[in-house]
């Protein structure tokens, strides 16, 4: 797939990786980019169509799908860091993590699938995490594991309409969400570039940093609970949430 001339919808476009995705899509010749975010964002390129889009809001999703009937590629980038404990956090906070990280992407795919089916060379990109494969306290990692499974299932279902599904995995990225962490971080520009490289290369998955590629190689050894995360993945204090790398909405 060539991005040149394509129409793309990016969620979580208000900062970090999402902003880089929008900018690099334009650099690669995208004809139009719908930039979805929960707040108003100013863009300097006329090819960008700002969307007020909360992926947990059915009304926002309906409005976006009604407007963006020309989309060739959906990039589900928006995400939430989640509740710190599955046992003690408010259950509504845990549900909210699943709504943002799992059901929001699914709702967008369902809403846009008919439009994607009517176009040649279409794709969905879901942003996962290294924590799709690791066990850490809180609601974030389980939602990313679930999203990984959802991506694989959608790939099978959408194959019938020739819409490709790409899963993007990576670890820490230098965004405001990880500002207080003393760990190695990738730049948002590098991660966005590798995701788009994989899209253009017709890959099914992208492991956008070396740590993630190394961990993927170990997947045959992973069993339930066997790879409980250790520093820098685990919380640094009891009850503290494990840090995450992705841009929130």
Foldseek 3Di string as FASTA:
>chain_A
DQLAAAEEEEALLPDFLNVLLVVVSVVSHHQAYEREYCDDDDDDDPRYHYANAQLLDPVSLLVVLVVPLRHQEYELFAADLFFQAPVPDDPVRLVVRLSNLPVSVVSNCVSRVVSNLVDPNGEYEYEAELLLQADEGGNNSVSRVVNVVVQVVVQVVSVVSPYAYAYEYEFAAPDPLCVPDPDDHHYSNQSSVQSVVCSVVVHRYTYRDDVSVVVVVCVVVGDVPPRHDDPPQYDPDPSDHGGGHGRHD
